[in-house]
Amino acid sequence: MSTQNDLRLGSILFSFTNEYHGRQYSLDQLLEEVARRGIGPGVEIVGFSAVRGFPYVSETFAENFRNTLARLELEPSCMALNADLYLRPDCPMTPEESLAYHVTQLEAAAMLGFPVARYQFLAGTEVIRRLLPFAERLNVKLGLEIHAPHKVDSPEVMEYREMYAKENSPYLGFIPDFGSSANAISPAYLRFVRQLGMPEGLILLIQEIWNEPDDPARPHGKHEDFAARAKAAGFGNRNLSECFMAFGLFSRQEPRRWLEIMPQIVHIHAKFHDIDENGNVPNISYGEILPLFVEAGYKGYMSSEWEGHFFSDDPGLPMVEAHHAMCKRILGRA
């Protein structure tokens, strides 16, 4: 049994995409802000968006990064790897190319001091199985992110669970994304599509289909159902890509389903897009989810991950501050 203090808080710098891409902060300055605002101590980065020249990292850069974290009393928690299977649009990487691509990124994660590396579904179970000896040698755990619309029993997830069972290594794990345990579509998304001028009838159709029961065998089934029903209702292609976002960012999974993989959870993505006037995430039941993870014995980091930059140019730093305040209140640390 863990205690509330075993669930450690942190931030993923991806939350601050608006500030970073707007050149308001350098990487070091963002780390300074994370420390100053008390939204560490865990720090997670996406390699390709945070590090110039990634996946190639110099010893000088790595030493400066590690020293900066130590000076600020922050800790590296997780680094995100990319699969990028279609770097060549005409054909996918071969398994050998994909393995080499992942090895280089994993070595960078180790150089920077990260104990966990998040990988993506497109890597494929065979590439990850072959990557495992490198992870063990580098002492970096591999975590598959389970992100909406996937759930713990989606066919693609089950393939990895079966491979994990065969390999039986503590270096193979999962990273739950709480967007998979939403109870509604985020109000931030609904505001966004209305600002785009999307017809109200189309918005109602999105919500209707989202609230229908899921088919576990078809993780992307609601995308397909929506496209067919939108076309049948006479809606054209305008804004359809924004419509599909609703099914790729939020899905309905009972929080207790995470218990099925709890012993293999190596990191958490605490996804959110909005904070309401009461200081809560309106479409994800953090008051249920966080105590569940504590009671189940989770010990590790949880990165606050604000993806509101998909919908607005608002700054992410104050949003993550508000999210940390909510989590501390729920965990009894306020």
Protein backbone atom coordinates (compact mmCIF):
# COMPACT_ATOMS: atom_id res chain seq x y z
CA MET A 1 0.00 0.00 0.00
CA SER A 2 1.34 3.42 -0.94
CA THR A 3 0.71 6.72 0.78
CA GLN A 4 -0.48 9.97 -0.74
CA ASN A 5 3.11 11.17 -0.85
CA ASP A 6 4.13 8.22 -3.06
CA LEU A 7 2.16 9.74 -5.93
CA ARG A 8 4.60 12.47 -6.91
CA LEU A 9 3.53 15.53 -8.88
CA GLY A 10 5.26 17.08 -11.85
CA SER A 11 4.72 18.72 -15.21
CA ILE A 12 5.28 17.88 -18.83
CA LEU A 13 6.79 20.83 -20.70
CA PHE A 14 4.42 20.05 -23.59
CA SER A 15 1.81 21.86 -21.45
CA PHE A 16 3.69 25.08 -22.13
CA THR A 17 3.69 24.79 -25.91
CA ASN A 18 2.17 28.27 -26.35
CA GLU A 19 4.88 29.91 -24.25
CA TYR A 20 7.72 27.85 -25.74
CA HIS A 21 6.74 28.14 -29.39
CA GLY A 22 6.00 31.82 -28.83
CA ARG A 23 9.68 32.22 -27.81
CA GLN A 24 8.69 33.61 -24.42
CA TYR A 25 10.99 31.14 -22.67
CA SER A 26 14.02 29.08 -23.50
CA LEU A 27 14.20 25.51 -22.21
CA ASP A 28 16.24 26.59 -19.19
CA GLN A 29 13.87 29.46 -18.50
CA LEU A 30 10.88 27.11 -18.60
CA LEU A 31 12.59 24.90 -16.04
CA GLU A 32 13.17 27.99 -13.88
CA GLU A 33 9.44 28.75 -14.10
CA VAL A 34 8.45 25.21 -13.17
CA ALA A 35 10.60 25.48 -10.05
CA ARG A 36 9.51 29.02 -9.18
CA ARG A 37 5.81 28.19 -9.49
CA GLY A 38 6.14 24.94 -7.53
CA ILE A 39 4.79 22.73 -10.32
CA GLY A 40 7.55 20.16 -10.07
CA PRO A 41 9.47 18.36 -8.86
CA GLY A 42 8.94 15.95 -11.76
CA VAL A 43 9.86 17.17 -15.23
CA GLU A 44 8.80 15.40 -18.40
CA ILE A 45 9.78 16.45 -21.91
CA VAL A 46 8.97 15.49 -25.48
CA GLY A 47 12.40 14.98 -26.97
CA PHE A 48 11.76 16.34 -30.45
CA SER A 49 9.96 19.47 -29.24
CA ALA A 50 12.23 20.38 -26.33
CA VAL A 51 15.78 19.60 -27.49
CA ARG A 52 17.35 21.15 -30.56
CA GLY A 53 18.96 18.49 -32.76
CA PHE A 54 17.18 15.63 -30.99
CA PRO A 55 17.67 12.66 -30.88
CA TYR A 56 21.33 13.61 -30.98
CA VAL A 57 22.36 15.09 -27.64
CA SER A 58 25.83 16.35 -26.80
CA GLU A 59 27.53 15.57 -23.51
CA THR A 60 27.70 19.32 -22.85
CA PHE A 61 23.95 19.76 -23.30
CA ALA A 62 23.17 16.68 -21.22
CA GLU A 63 25.44 17.79 -18.38
CA ASN A 64 23.92 21.29 -18.38
CA PHE A 65 20.39 19.85 -18.37
CA ARG A 66 21.10 17.50 -15.46
CA ASN A 67 22.88 20.26 -13.52
CA THR A 68 20.02 22.71 -14.10
CA LEU A 69 17.48 20.23 -12.76
CA ALA A 70 19.65 19.51 -9.73
CA ARG A 71 20.16 23.23 -9.03
CA LEU A 72 16.41 23.83 -9.21
CA GLU A 73 15.64 20.75 -7.08
CA LEU A 74 13.69 19.20 -9.97
CA GLU A 75 13.87 15.61 -11.13
CA PRO A 76 13.63 14.05 -14.61
CA SER A 77 10.51 11.87 -14.65
CA CYS A 78 9.82 10.77 -18.23
CA MET A 79 10.86 11.53 -21.80
CA ALA A 80 8.58 11.00 -24.79
CA LEU A 81 9.93 9.07 -27.78
CA ASN A 82 8.45 9.31 -31.27
CA ALA A 83 7.68 6.36 -33.54
CA ASP A 84 7.53 8.51 -36.73
CA LEU A 85 6.94 5.37 -38.77
CA TYR A 86 6.22 7.37 -41.92
CA LEU A 87 9.14 9.77 -42.04
CA ARG A 88 9.13 8.75 -45.71
CA PRO A 89 5.50 9.28 -46.79
CA ASP A 90 5.77 6.69 -49.56
CA CYS A 91 6.71 3.77 -47.28
CA PRO A 92 7.04 2.98 -43.57
CA MET A 93 10.30 2.31 -41.79
CA THR A 94 11.50 -1.27 -41.79
CA PRO A 95 11.62 -2.93 -38.35
CA GLU A 96 15.39 -2.56 -38.36
CA GLU A 97 15.15 1.17 -39.14
CA SER A 98 12.50 1.67 -36.48
CA LEU A 99 14.57 -0.15 -33.88
CA ALA A 100 17.63 1.98 -34.65
CA TYR A 101 15.46 5.13 -34.49
CA HIS A 102 14.19 4.14 -31.05
CA VAL A 103 17.60 3.11 -29.74
CA THR A 104 19.04 6.54 -30.53
CA GLN A 105 16.19 8.26 -28.68
CA LEU A 106 16.46 5.88 -25.74
CA GLU A 107 20.18 6.59 -25.45
CA ALA A 108 19.37 10.31 -25.37
CA ALA A 109 16.85 9.72 -22.57
CA ALA A 110 19.52 7.91 -20.56
CA MET A 111 22.06 10.67 -21.15
CA LEU A 112 19.58 13.27 -19.89
CA GLY A 113 18.85 11.21 -16.77
CA PHE A 114 15.28 10.09 -17.49
CA PRO A 115 14.22 6.83 -15.77
CA VAL A 116 11.19 6.29 -18.05
CA ALA A 117 10.65 6.67 -21.79
CA ARG A 118 7.17 6.90 -23.27
CA TYR A 119 6.74 5.16 -26.59
CA GLN A 120 3.89 5.03 -29.11
CA PHE A 121 1.63 2.30 -30.49
CA LEU A 122 3.06 2.64 -33.99
CA ALA A 123 6.39 1.28 -32.79
CA GLY A 124 4.85 -2.20 -32.81
CA THR A 125 5.31 -5.00 -30.31
CA GLU A 126 8.23 -6.63 -32.14
CA VAL A 127 10.31 -3.44 -32.21
CA ILE A 128 9.65 -2.84 -28.50
CA ARG A 129 10.52 -6.45 -27.69
CA ARG A 130 13.84 -5.97 -29.49
CA LEU A 131 14.33 -2.61 -27.76
CA LEU A 132 13.97 -4.20 -24.32
CA PRO A 133 17.64 -5.31 -23.93
CA PHE A 134 18.74 -1.73 -24.65
CA ALA A 135 16.29 -0.41 -22.04
CA GLU A 136 17.60 -2.87 -19.47
CA ARG A 137 21.22 -1.98 -20.22
CA LEU A 138 20.50 1.78 -20.08
CA ASN A 139 18.27 1.40 -16.99
CA VAL A 140 15.33 3.22 -18.63
CA LYS A 141 11.82 1.77 -18.36
CA LEU A 142 9.62 1.70 -21.46
CA GLY A 143 6.04 2.92 -21.07
CA LEU A 144 3.29 2.59 -23.66
CA GLU A 145 0.93 5.55 -23.40
CA ILE A 146 -2.71 4.45 -23.28
CA HIS A 147 -4.40 7.49 -24.77
CA ALA A 148 -7.96 8.05 -25.97
CA PRO A 149 -9.58 6.37 -27.79
CA HIS A 150 -7.66 3.34 -26.48
CA LYS A 151 -8.49 1.59 -23.21
CA VAL A 152 -6.83 -1.13 -21.19
CA ASP A 153 -8.59 -3.86 -23.20
CA SER A 154 -8.42 -2.36 -26.69
CA PRO A 155 -7.05 -4.90 -29.22
CA GLU A 156 -3.85 -2.90 -29.78
CA VAL A 157 -3.25 -2.64 -26.01
CA MET A 158 -3.90 -6.35 -25.54
CA GLU A 159 -1.16 -7.15 -28.06
CA TYR A 160 1.33 -5.29 -25.86
CA ARG A 161 -0.05 -6.85 -22.68
CA GLU A 162 0.45 -10.31 -24.17
CA MET A 163 4.01 -9.48 -25.24
CA TYR A 164 4.73 -8.05 -21.77
CA ALA A 165 3.50 -11.26 -20.16
CA LYS A 166 5.89 -13.32 -22.29
CA GLU A 167 8.91 -11.09 -21.63
CA ASN A 168 8.13 -10.60 -17.92
CA SER A 169 10.46 -7.63 -17.50
CA PRO A 170 10.10 -4.76 -15.02
CA TYR A 171 11.35 -2.50 -17.81
CA LEU A 172 8.09 -2.86 -19.76
CA GLY A 173 5.18 -0.79 -18.53
CA PHE A 174 2.23 1.46 -19.29
CA ILE A 175 1.46 5.16 -19.00
CA PRO A 176 -2.24 5.90 -18.45
CA ASP A 177 -3.53 9.11 -19.97
CA PHE A 178 -6.52 10.31 -17.96
CA GLY A 179 -8.20 11.57 -21.12
CA SER A 180 -9.14 7.90 -21.56
CA SER A 181 -11.21 8.14 -18.37
CA ALA A 182 -13.26 11.23 -19.20
CA ASN A 183 -16.92 11.45 -18.31
CA ALA A 184 -17.71 14.13 -20.89
CA ILE A 185 -16.18 16.14 -23.70
CA SER A 186 -14.22 19.09 -22.33
CA PRO A 187 -16.06 22.44 -22.35
CA ALA A 188 -12.86 23.93 -23.78
CA TYR A 189 -13.31 21.83 -26.91
CA LEU A 190 -16.98 22.82 -27.25
CA ARG A 191 -16.08 26.51 -26.92
CA PHE A 192 -13.41 26.06 -29.58
CA VAL A 193 -15.65 24.48 -32.21
CA ARG A 194 -18.36 27.05 -31.61
CA GLN A 195 -15.80 29.81 -32.13
CA LEU A 196 -14.97 28.16 -35.45
CA GLY A 197 -18.59 28.61 -36.46
CA MET A 198 -19.34 24.89 -36.52
CA PRO A 199 -23.08 24.22 -36.96
CA GLU A 200 -24.82 23.47 -33.69
CA GLY A 201 -26.41 20.38 -35.22
CA LEU A 202 -22.94 18.97 -35.92
CA ILE A 203 -21.81 19.73 -32.37
CA LEU A 204 -24.88 17.93 -31.03
CA LEU A 205 -24.09 14.94 -33.24
CA ILE A 206 -20.53 14.81 -31.85
CA GLN A 207 -21.87 14.75 -28.29
CA GLU A 208 -24.55 12.19 -29.11
CA ILE A 209 -22.09 9.73 -30.63
CA TRP A 210 -19.49 10.34 -27.91
CA ASN A 211 -22.03 9.43 -25.23
CA GLU A 212 -23.03 6.18 -26.92
CA PRO A 213 -21.59 2.88 -25.61
CA ASP A 214 -18.12 2.00 -26.89
CA ASP A 215 -17.29 -1.11 -28.87
CA PRO A 216 -14.08 -2.49 -27.28
CA ALA A 217 -13.19 -4.22 -30.55
CA ARG A 218 -13.32 -0.91 -32.46
CA PRO A 219 -11.27 1.75 -30.63
CA HIS A 220 -11.68 4.08 -33.60
CA GLY A 221 -15.25 3.04 -34.29
CA LYS A 222 -16.76 6.34 -33.24
CA HIS A 223 -14.63 8.18 -35.80
CA GLU A 224 -16.10 5.96 -38.48
CA ASP A 225 -19.65 6.19 -37.14
CA PHE A 226 -19.46 9.96 -36.91
CA ALA A 227 -18.15 10.35 -40.48
CA ALA A 228 -20.98 8.19 -41.84
CA ARG A 229 -23.73 9.85 -39.83
CA ALA A 230 -22.47 13.37 -40.48
CA LYS A 231 -22.49 12.68 -44.21
CA ALA A 232 -25.97 11.11 -44.03
CA ALA A 233 -27.22 14.21 -42.17
CA GLY A 234 -25.99 16.42 -45.00
CA PHE A 235 -22.95 17.96 -43.32
CA GLY A 236 -19.98 18.61 -45.59
CA ASN A 237 -16.28 18.13 -44.93
CA ARG A 238 -15.74 21.58 -43.40
CA ASN A 239 -14.29 21.32 -39.87
CA LEU A 240 -14.45 17.51 -39.87
CA SER A 241 -10.85 17.25 -38.67
CA GLU A 242 -11.79 19.32 -35.61
CA CYS A 243 -14.81 17.04 -35.10
CA PHE A 244 -12.62 13.94 -34.99
CA MET A 245 -10.52 15.50 -32.20
CA ALA A 246 -13.39 14.90 -29.77
CA PHE A 247 -13.03 11.14 -30.20
CA GLY A 248 -9.23 11.17 -30.11
CA LEU A 249 -8.80 13.30 -26.99
CA PHE A 250 -11.53 11.98 -24.70
CA SER A 251 -12.94 8.50 -24.18
CA ARG A 252 -15.09 6.77 -21.60
CA GLN A 253 -13.38 4.21 -19.40
CA GLU A 254 -14.29 3.53 -15.80
CA PRO A 255 -11.29 4.65 -13.68
CA ARG A 256 -11.22 1.30 -11.90
CA ARG A 257 -10.25 -0.38 -15.17
CA TRP A 258 -6.74 1.02 -14.65
CA LEU A 259 -6.39 -1.49 -11.79
CA GLU A 260 -5.97 -4.27 -14.38
CA ILE A 261 -2.52 -2.93 -15.30
CA MET A 262 -1.62 -1.11 -12.07
CA PRO A 263 1.48 -3.25 -11.28
CA GLN A 264 2.91 -2.26 -14.68
CA ILE A 265 2.16 1.47 -14.56
CA VAL A 266 5.48 3.34 -14.68
CA HIS A 267 4.24 6.94 -15.12
CA ILE A 268 0.99 8.91 -15.44
CA HIS A 269 -0.23 11.60 -17.82
CA ALA A 270 -2.73 13.71 -15.88
CA LYS A 271 -4.49 15.11 -18.95
CA PHE A 272 -6.79 18.11 -18.77
CA HIS A 273 -7.99 20.91 -21.05
CA ASP A 274 -9.91 23.16 -18.70
CA ILE A 275 -10.25 24.21 -15.06
CA ASP A 276 -13.67 25.41 -13.92
CA GLU A 277 -14.62 28.18 -11.47
CA ASN A 278 -14.38 25.71 -8.58
CA GLY A 279 -10.82 24.76 -9.43
CA ASN A 280 -11.72 21.35 -10.85
CA VAL A 281 -11.32 19.60 -14.20
CA PRO A 282 -14.95 19.57 -15.37
CA ASN A 283 -14.90 16.41 -17.50
CA ILE A 284 -12.50 14.09 -15.62
CA SER A 285 -13.22 12.86 -12.08
CA TYR A 286 -9.86 13.49 -10.44
CA GLY A 287 -11.51 13.18 -7.05
CA GLU A 288 -12.14 9.53 -7.86
CA ILE A 289 -9.04 8.74 -9.91
CA LEU A 290 -6.25 10.02 -7.65
CA PRO A 291 -7.38 8.22 -4.46
CA LEU A 292 -7.82 5.06 -6.54
CA PHE A 293 -4.17 5.16 -7.64
CA VAL A 294 -2.97 5.85 -4.10
CA GLU A 295 -5.05 3.03 -2.62
CA ALA A 296 -3.86 0.65 -5.36
CA GLY A 297 -0.24 1.27 -4.40
CA TYR A 298 1.05 3.40 -7.28
CA LYS A 299 4.46 4.86 -6.55
CA GLY A 300 5.87 7.26 -9.10
CA TYR A 301 5.40 10.51 -10.96
CA MET A 302 2.31 12.04 -12.49
CA SER A 303 2.79 14.80 -15.05
CA SER A 304 0.14 17.49 -15.26
CA GLU A 305 -0.55 17.75 -18.99
CA TRP A 306 -2.58 20.71 -20.22
CA GLU A 307 -3.54 20.33 -23.87
CA GLY A 308 -5.65 23.46 -24.05
CA HIS A 309 -3.11 24.83 -26.51
CA PHE A 310 -4.96 22.74 -29.10
CA PHE A 311 -7.88 25.12 -28.63
CA SER A 312 -6.45 28.47 -27.56
CA ASP A 313 -3.41 30.71 -27.30
CA ASP A 314 -3.76 30.97 -23.53
CA PRO A 315 -0.62 30.39 -21.43
CA GLY A 316 -0.22 26.92 -19.96
CA LEU A 317 1.79 27.80 -16.85
CA PRO A 318 -1.14 29.19 -14.81
CA MET A 319 -3.33 26.29 -15.94
CA VAL A 320 -0.82 23.76 -14.61
CA GLU A 321 -0.54 25.75 -11.39
CA ALA A 322 -4.31 25.44 -10.96
CA HIS A 323 -4.15 21.73 -11.76
CA HIS A 324 -1.46 21.17 -9.13
CA ALA A 325 -3.55 23.07 -6.59
CA MET A 326 -6.50 20.76 -7.35
CA CYS A 327 -4.36 17.61 -7.07
CA LYS A 328 -2.84 18.75 -3.78
CA ARG A 329 -6.30 19.48 -2.42
CA ILE A 330 -7.55 16.02 -3.41
CA LEU A 331 -4.43 14.38 -1.97
CA GLY A 332 -4.64 16.32 1.26
CA ARG A 333 -1.50 18.35 0.64
CA ALA A 334 -3.08 21.80 0.27
